[in-house]
Protein backbone atom coordinates (compact mmCIF):
# COMPACT_ATOMS: atom_id res chain seq x y z
CA UNK A 1 -27.22 -43.64 21.61
CA UNK A 2 -27.14 -45.37 25.00
CA UNK A 3 -29.34 -44.49 27.93
CA UNK A 4 -27.88 -43.47 31.24
CA UNK A 5 -28.29 -45.97 34.04
CA UNK A 6 -31.07 -44.89 36.37
CA UNK A 7 -30.87 -45.51 40.08
CA UNK A 8 -34.26 -46.36 41.60
CA UNK A 9 -35.11 -45.89 45.25
CA UNK A 10 -36.12 -48.81 47.42
CA UNK A 11 -39.61 -47.35 47.71
CA UNK A 12 -40.01 -47.24 43.93
CA UNK A 13 -38.79 -50.83 43.60
CA UNK A 14 -41.22 -51.95 46.29
CA UNK A 15 -44.07 -50.13 44.57
CA UNK A 16 -43.32 -51.77 41.22
CA UNK A 17 -42.83 -55.21 42.80
CA UNK A 18 -46.10 -54.92 44.70
CA UNK A 19 -47.95 -53.96 41.53
CA UNK A 20 -46.44 -57.00 39.80
CA UNK A 21 -47.35 -59.29 42.71
CA UNK A 22 -50.97 -58.09 42.71
CA UNK A 23 -51.22 -59.01 39.00
CA UNK A 24 -54.01 -56.50 38.44
CA UNK A 25 -52.21 -55.28 35.31
CA UNK A 26 -50.15 -57.08 32.71
CA UNK A 27 -46.38 -56.74 32.86
CA UNK A 28 -46.45 -54.79 29.58
CA UNK A 29 -48.79 -52.25 31.21
CA UNK A 30 -46.43 -51.96 34.18
CA UNK A 31 -43.51 -51.43 31.79
CA UNK A 32 -45.29 -48.48 30.21
CA UNK A 33 -46.58 -47.14 33.52
CA UNK A 34 -43.27 -47.24 35.44
CA UNK A 35 -40.89 -46.98 32.46
CA UNK A 36 -38.85 -49.98 33.62
CA UNK A 37 -37.81 -53.02 31.60
CA UNK A 38 -39.93 -56.15 32.05
CA UNK A 39 -36.98 -58.26 33.15
CA UNK A 40 -36.29 -55.71 35.89
CA UNK A 41 -39.90 -55.96 37.08
CA UNK A 42 -39.66 -59.75 37.20
CA UNK A 43 -36.39 -59.55 39.12
CA UNK A 44 -37.82 -57.13 41.72
CA UNK A 45 -40.93 -59.32 42.04
CA UNK A 46 -38.81 -62.44 42.69
CA UNK A 47 -36.68 -60.54 45.19
CA UNK A 48 -39.77 -59.27 47.04
CA UNK A 49 -41.36 -62.70 47.18
CA UNK A 50 -38.12 -64.27 48.44
CA UNK A 51 -37.87 -61.66 51.20
CA UNK A 52 -41.42 -62.10 52.47
CA UNK A 53 -40.54 -65.26 54.37
CA UNK A 54 -38.00 -63.43 56.51
CA UNK A 55 -40.69 -60.97 57.65
CA UNK A 56 -42.62 -63.77 59.32
CA UNK A 57 -39.71 -66.00 60.33
CA UNK A 58 -39.38 -64.76 63.93
CA UNK A 59 -42.44 -62.88 65.17
CA UNK A 60 -40.83 -62.49 68.61
CA UNK A 61 -37.60 -61.13 67.16
CA UNK A 62 -37.86 -57.73 68.81
CA UNK A 63 -39.06 -59.09 72.13
CA UNK A 64 -36.26 -61.62 72.24
CA UNK A 65 -33.70 -58.90 71.60
CA UNK A 66 -35.16 -56.71 74.37
CA UNK A 67 -35.18 -59.65 76.76
CA UNK A 68 -31.52 -60.40 76.03
CA UNK A 69 -30.66 -56.75 76.55
CA UNK A 70 -32.42 -56.65 79.92
CA UNK A 71 -30.68 -59.86 80.99
CA UNK A 72 -27.30 -58.40 80.04
CA UNK A 73 -28.07 -55.23 82.01
CA UNK A 74 -29.13 -57.29 85.02
CA UNK A 75 -25.91 -59.31 84.87
CA UNK A 76 -23.81 -56.14 84.71
CA UNK A 77 -25.63 -54.83 87.79
CA UNK A 78 -24.94 -58.10 89.59
CA UNK A 79 -21.26 -57.90 88.64
CA UNK A 80 -21.12 -54.36 90.03
CA UNK A 81 -22.72 -55.44 93.33
CA UNK A 82 -20.33 -58.39 93.67
CA UNK A 83 -17.33 -56.14 93.03
CA UNK A 84 -18.53 -53.74 95.71
CA UNK A 85 -19.01 -56.61 98.18
CA UNK A 86 -15.54 -57.94 97.39
CA UNK A 87 -13.96 -54.54 97.96
CA UNK A 88 -15.88 -54.18 101.23
CA UNK A 89 -14.74 -57.63 102.40
CA UNK A 90 -11.12 -56.84 101.48
CA UNK A 91 -11.28 -53.64 103.55
CA UNK A 92 -12.86 -55.46 106.50
CA UNK A 93 -10.20 -58.14 106.37
CA UNK A 94 -7.41 -55.56 106.20
CA UNK A 95 -8.86 -53.76 109.22
CA UNK A 96 -9.16 -56.99 111.19
CA UNK A 97 -5.48 -57.99 110.72
């Protein structure tokens, strides 16, 4: 009789991976505790450790994005002002002819 494939949430995977990373319990204990195969625990642990580097890769990531967004908004405002000035100059020129 085969078992049905279980879908685990990201939170559950993180919990199991963190328990494996802490190494406070043996993998066999974690297998019994979380009812997950040992190879799955090892895979989630490797995945978690590989992803940790990206958390610290760009500490200014959010600030840089906000700065870019504010620069884009400022440029759009400048484009709007220049368009208004151009229209005003076109009207002035047409009136002067």
